[in-house]
Amino acid sequence: MSQSPGSLDGNPALLARQPMKRQRSKPHSFEDRLAAERKRLEEKAALLRDGKEREALLSKIAQIDTANHLNELLRSPRARAADQDPPRR
């Protein structure tokens, strides 16, 4: 069986020069990233005693909750309808 000059079959030198294709994971949604960060911070806060560091983590958790709530509001059908309505005078 003859091989074409550009064939990779059986030629380790050509195989070694081929770039590896990266396996990309599915992109995570904004909500997924917020939930993962919230969980991580909660777990970290649970290990800490009351103090400044724990309070800072709880504050970040509250910020994540606010971001999640705002995201839900902006994705709601009512918010989308408001974007499509002409401005009232």
N, C-alpha and C. Protein backbone atom coordinates (compact mmCIF):
# COMPACT_ATOMS: atom_id res chain seq x y z
N MET A 1 0.85 -1.16 0.00
CA MET A 1 0.00 0.00 0.00
C MET A 1 0.90 1.23 0.00
N SER A 2 0.62 2.16 -0.88
CA SER A 2 1.44 3.37 -0.94
C SER A 2 0.79 4.47 -0.13
N GLN A 3 1.63 5.32 0.41
CA GLN A 3 1.13 6.44 1.20
C GLN A 3 1.42 7.74 0.47
N SER A 4 0.52 8.67 0.59
CA SER A 4 0.75 9.97 -0.03
C SER A 4 1.79 10.71 0.82
N PRO A 5 2.50 11.66 0.22
CA PRO A 5 3.55 12.37 0.95
C PRO A 5 3.04 13.07 2.21
N GLY A 6 1.80 13.55 2.24
CA GLY A 6 1.29 14.25 3.41
C GLY A 6 0.58 13.35 4.39
N SER A 7 0.58 12.05 4.14
CA SER A 7 -0.14 11.12 4.99
C SER A 7 0.55 11.00 6.35
N LEU A 8 -0.28 10.89 7.40
CA LEU A 8 0.26 10.76 8.75
C LEU A 8 0.39 9.30 9.17
N ASP A 9 -0.16 8.39 8.37
CA ASP A 9 -0.16 6.98 8.74
C ASP A 9 1.26 6.45 8.89
N GLY A 10 1.58 6.02 10.09
CA GLY A 10 2.84 5.34 10.32
C GLY A 10 4.06 6.24 10.35
N ASN A 11 3.93 7.53 10.26
CA ASN A 11 5.09 8.40 10.25
C ASN A 11 5.11 9.19 11.56
N PRO A 12 5.86 8.71 12.57
CA PRO A 12 5.88 9.37 13.87
C PRO A 12 6.39 10.81 13.81
N ALA A 13 7.27 11.13 12.87
CA ALA A 13 7.80 12.49 12.77
C ALA A 13 6.68 13.46 12.38
N LEU A 14 5.82 13.05 11.47
CA LEU A 14 4.71 13.92 11.06
C LEU A 14 3.66 13.99 12.16
N LEU A 15 3.43 12.88 12.84
CA LEU A 15 2.44 12.88 13.93
C LEU A 15 2.88 13.81 15.06
N ALA A 16 4.16 13.85 15.36
CA ALA A 16 4.66 14.66 16.46
C ALA A 16 4.52 16.15 16.17
N ARG A 17 4.51 16.54 14.89
CA ARG A 17 4.42 17.95 14.54
C ARG A 17 3.00 18.48 14.50
N GLN A 18 2.02 17.60 14.55
CA GLN A 18 0.63 18.04 14.49
C GLN A 18 0.23 18.65 15.82
N PRO A 19 -0.38 19.84 15.79
CA PRO A 19 -0.81 20.45 17.05
C PRO A 19 -1.95 19.66 17.67
N MET A 20 -1.92 19.57 18.98
CA MET A 20 -2.99 18.87 19.69
C MET A 20 -4.22 19.77 19.73
N LYS A 21 -5.37 19.19 19.49
CA LYS A 21 -6.60 19.96 19.58
C LYS A 21 -7.08 19.92 21.02
N ARG A 22 -7.39 21.11 21.55
CA ARG A 22 -7.84 21.20 22.94
C ARG A 22 -9.30 20.80 23.03
N GLN A 23 -9.60 20.06 24.05
CA GLN A 23 -10.99 19.73 24.35
C GLN A 23 -11.56 20.88 25.15
N ARG A 24 -12.55 21.54 24.63
CA ARG A 24 -13.16 22.65 25.34
C ARG A 24 -14.42 22.17 26.05
N SER A 25 -14.54 22.60 27.29
CA SER A 25 -15.74 22.25 28.02
C SER A 25 -16.86 23.17 27.58
N LYS A 26 -18.07 22.76 27.90
CA LYS A 26 -19.21 23.61 27.58
C LYS A 26 -19.08 24.91 28.37
N PRO A 27 -19.46 26.01 27.76
CA PRO A 27 -19.41 27.25 28.52
C PRO A 27 -20.44 27.22 29.65
N HIS A 28 -20.05 27.76 30.77
CA HIS A 28 -20.95 27.78 31.92
C HIS A 28 -21.75 29.07 31.89
N SER A 29 -23.00 28.98 32.23
CA SER A 29 -23.85 30.17 32.22
C SER A 29 -23.48 31.08 33.39
N PHE A 30 -23.92 32.32 33.30
CA PHE A 30 -23.68 33.28 34.36
C PHE A 30 -24.28 32.76 35.67
N GLU A 31 -25.48 32.19 35.59
CA GLU A 31 -26.14 31.66 36.78
C GLU A 31 -25.34 30.52 37.39
N ASP A 32 -24.78 29.65 36.54
CA ASP A 32 -23.96 28.53 37.02
C ASP A 32 -22.72 29.04 37.75
N ARG A 33 -22.08 30.05 37.17
CA ARG A 33 -20.87 30.60 37.80
C ARG A 33 -21.20 31.27 39.13
N LEU A 34 -22.33 31.99 39.18
CA LEU A 34 -22.74 32.61 40.44
C LEU A 34 -23.00 31.54 41.50
N ALA A 35 -23.71 30.50 41.12
CA ALA A 35 -24.05 29.43 42.08
C ALA A 35 -22.78 28.73 42.59
N ALA A 36 -21.84 28.48 41.69
CA ALA A 36 -20.60 27.81 42.09
C ALA A 36 -19.79 28.69 43.03
N GLU A 37 -19.72 29.98 42.74
CA GLU A 37 -18.97 30.89 43.60
C GLU A 37 -19.65 31.03 44.95
N ARG A 38 -20.97 31.10 44.94
CA ARG A 38 -21.72 31.21 46.20
C ARG A 38 -21.45 29.98 47.08
N LYS A 39 -21.50 28.81 46.48
CA LYS A 39 -21.25 27.57 47.22
C LYS A 39 -19.84 27.55 47.79
N ARG A 40 -18.88 27.96 46.98
CA ARG A 40 -17.48 27.97 47.42
C ARG A 40 -17.31 28.90 48.61
N LEU A 41 -17.91 30.09 48.52
CA LEU A 41 -17.78 31.06 49.60
C LEU A 41 -18.50 30.59 50.87
N GLU A 42 -19.66 29.97 50.70
CA GLU A 42 -20.39 29.45 51.87
C GLU A 42 -19.58 28.38 52.60
N GLU A 43 -18.96 27.49 51.81
CA GLU A 43 -18.15 26.44 52.41
C GLU A 43 -16.95 27.03 53.16
N LYS A 44 -16.35 28.04 52.57
CA LYS A 44 -15.20 28.68 53.21
C LYS A 44 -15.64 29.42 54.48
N ALA A 45 -16.77 30.12 54.41
CA ALA A 45 -17.28 30.86 55.57
C ALA A 45 -17.66 29.92 56.71
N ALA A 46 -18.15 28.74 56.37
CA ALA A 46 -18.56 27.78 57.40
C ALA A 46 -17.38 27.31 58.24
N LEU A 47 -16.18 27.39 57.69
CA LEU A 47 -14.98 26.94 58.41
C LEU A 47 -14.39 28.02 59.30
N LEU A 48 -14.87 29.25 59.14
CA LEU A 48 -14.29 30.38 59.87
C LEU A 48 -15.12 30.74 61.09
N ARG A 49 -14.44 31.27 62.10
CA ARG A 49 -15.13 31.83 63.26
C ARG A 49 -15.62 33.22 62.88
N ASP A 50 -16.51 33.76 63.72
CA ASP A 50 -16.96 35.13 63.50
C ASP A 50 -15.76 36.05 63.49
N GLY A 51 -15.76 36.96 62.53
CA GLY A 51 -14.66 37.91 62.42
C GLY A 51 -14.72 38.63 61.09
N LYS A 52 -13.72 39.45 60.84
CA LYS A 52 -13.71 40.28 59.64
C LYS A 52 -13.68 39.44 58.35
N GLU A 53 -12.87 38.40 58.34
CA GLU A 53 -12.75 37.59 57.12
C GLU A 53 -14.08 36.90 56.80
N ARG A 54 -14.73 36.36 57.83
CA ARG A 54 -16.03 35.70 57.62
C ARG A 54 -17.09 36.71 57.18
N GLU A 55 -17.08 37.88 57.79
CA GLU A 55 -18.03 38.92 57.41
C GLU A 55 -17.82 39.35 55.96
N ALA A 56 -16.56 39.43 55.53
CA ALA A 56 -16.26 39.79 54.14
C ALA A 56 -16.83 38.74 53.18
N LEU A 57 -16.70 37.47 53.55
CA LEU A 57 -17.24 36.40 52.70
C LEU A 57 -18.77 36.47 52.66
N LEU A 58 -19.39 36.72 53.80
CA LEU A 58 -20.84 36.82 53.83
C LEU A 58 -21.33 38.03 53.01
N SER A 59 -20.54 39.08 53.00
CA SER A 59 -20.87 40.26 52.18
C SER A 59 -20.79 39.90 50.69
N LYS A 60 -19.78 39.16 50.31
CA LYS A 60 -19.66 38.73 48.92
C LYS A 60 -20.82 37.82 48.52
N ILE A 61 -21.25 36.97 49.44
CA ILE A 61 -22.40 36.10 49.18
C ILE A 61 -23.65 36.96 48.95
N ALA A 62 -23.81 38.00 49.74
CA ALA A 62 -24.95 38.90 49.56
C ALA A 62 -24.88 39.60 48.21
N GLN A 63 -23.68 39.97 47.78
CA GLN A 63 -23.51 40.59 46.46
C GLN A 63 -23.88 39.62 45.35
N ILE A 64 -23.51 38.36 45.52
CA ILE A 64 -23.86 37.34 44.53
C ILE A 64 -25.37 37.17 44.47
N ASP A 65 -26.02 37.17 45.63
CA ASP A 65 -27.48 37.05 45.66
C ASP A 65 -28.13 38.23 44.93
N THR A 66 -27.60 39.43 45.15
CA THR A 66 -28.12 40.62 44.48
C THR A 66 -27.92 40.51 42.97
N ALA A 67 -26.74 40.09 42.54
CA ALA A 67 -26.46 39.93 41.11
C ALA A 67 -27.40 38.91 40.49
N ASN A 68 -27.65 37.82 41.20
CA ASN A 68 -28.55 36.78 40.71
C ASN A 68 -29.98 37.33 40.57
N HIS A 69 -30.41 38.10 41.57
CA HIS A 69 -31.75 38.68 41.54
C HIS A 69 -31.88 39.67 40.38
N LEU A 70 -30.89 40.54 40.20
CA LEU A 70 -30.93 41.49 39.10
C LEU A 70 -30.93 40.78 37.75
N ASN A 71 -30.15 39.74 37.65
CA ASN A 71 -30.12 38.97 36.40
C ASN A 71 -31.49 38.36 36.10
N GLU A 72 -32.16 37.85 37.13
CA GLU A 72 -33.51 37.30 36.94
C GLU A 72 -34.47 38.38 36.48
N LEU A 73 -34.38 39.56 37.08
CA LEU A 73 -35.26 40.65 36.69
C LEU A 73 -35.03 41.06 35.23
N LEU A 74 -33.77 41.15 34.85
CA LEU A 74 -33.45 41.57 33.48
C LEU A 74 -33.83 40.52 32.44
N ARG A 75 -33.88 39.27 32.85
CA ARG A 75 -34.26 38.20 31.91
C ARG A 75 -35.76 37.95 31.88
N SER A 76 -36.50 38.61 32.75
CA SER A 76 -37.94 38.37 32.83
C SER A 76 -38.63 38.88 31.56
N PRO A 77 -39.78 38.30 31.23
CA PRO A 77 -40.52 38.75 30.05
C PRO A 77 -40.92 40.22 30.16
N ARG A 78 -41.21 40.68 31.35
CA ARG A 78 -41.62 42.08 31.53
C ARG A 78 -40.47 43.03 31.16
N ALA A 79 -39.25 42.69 31.56
CA ALA A 79 -38.10 43.53 31.24
C ALA A 79 -37.85 43.52 29.73
N ARG A 80 -38.03 42.40 29.11
CA ARG A 80 -37.84 42.32 27.66
C ARG A 80 -38.88 43.13 26.92
N ALA A 81 -40.11 43.11 27.42
CA ALA A 81 -41.17 43.89 26.79
C ALA A 81 -40.88 45.38 26.92
N ALA A 82 -40.33 45.80 28.05
CA ALA A 82 -40.00 47.20 28.25
C ALA A 82 -38.93 47.66 27.27
N ASP A 83 -38.03 46.78 26.91
CA ASP A 83 -36.98 47.11 25.94
C ASP A 83 -37.58 47.36 24.55
N GLN A 84 -38.68 46.72 24.24
CA GLN A 84 -39.26 46.80 22.91
C GLN A 84 -40.27 47.93 22.76
N ASP A 85 -40.80 48.44 23.89
CA ASP A 85 -41.78 49.51 23.83
C ASP A 85 -41.09 50.82 23.47
N PRO A 86 -41.77 51.66 22.66
CA PRO A 86 -41.19 52.99 22.38
C PRO A 86 -41.29 53.85 23.65
N PRO A 87 -40.38 54.79 23.79
CA PRO A 87 -40.42 55.65 24.97
C PRO A 87 -41.70 56.47 25.00
N ARG A 88 -42.26 56.63 26.20
CA ARG A 88 -43.48 57.41 26.36
C ARG A 88 -43.14 58.86 26.65
N ARG A 89 -43.99 59.75 26.16
CA ARG A 89 -43.77 61.19 26.42
C ARG A 89 -44.93 61.78 27.11
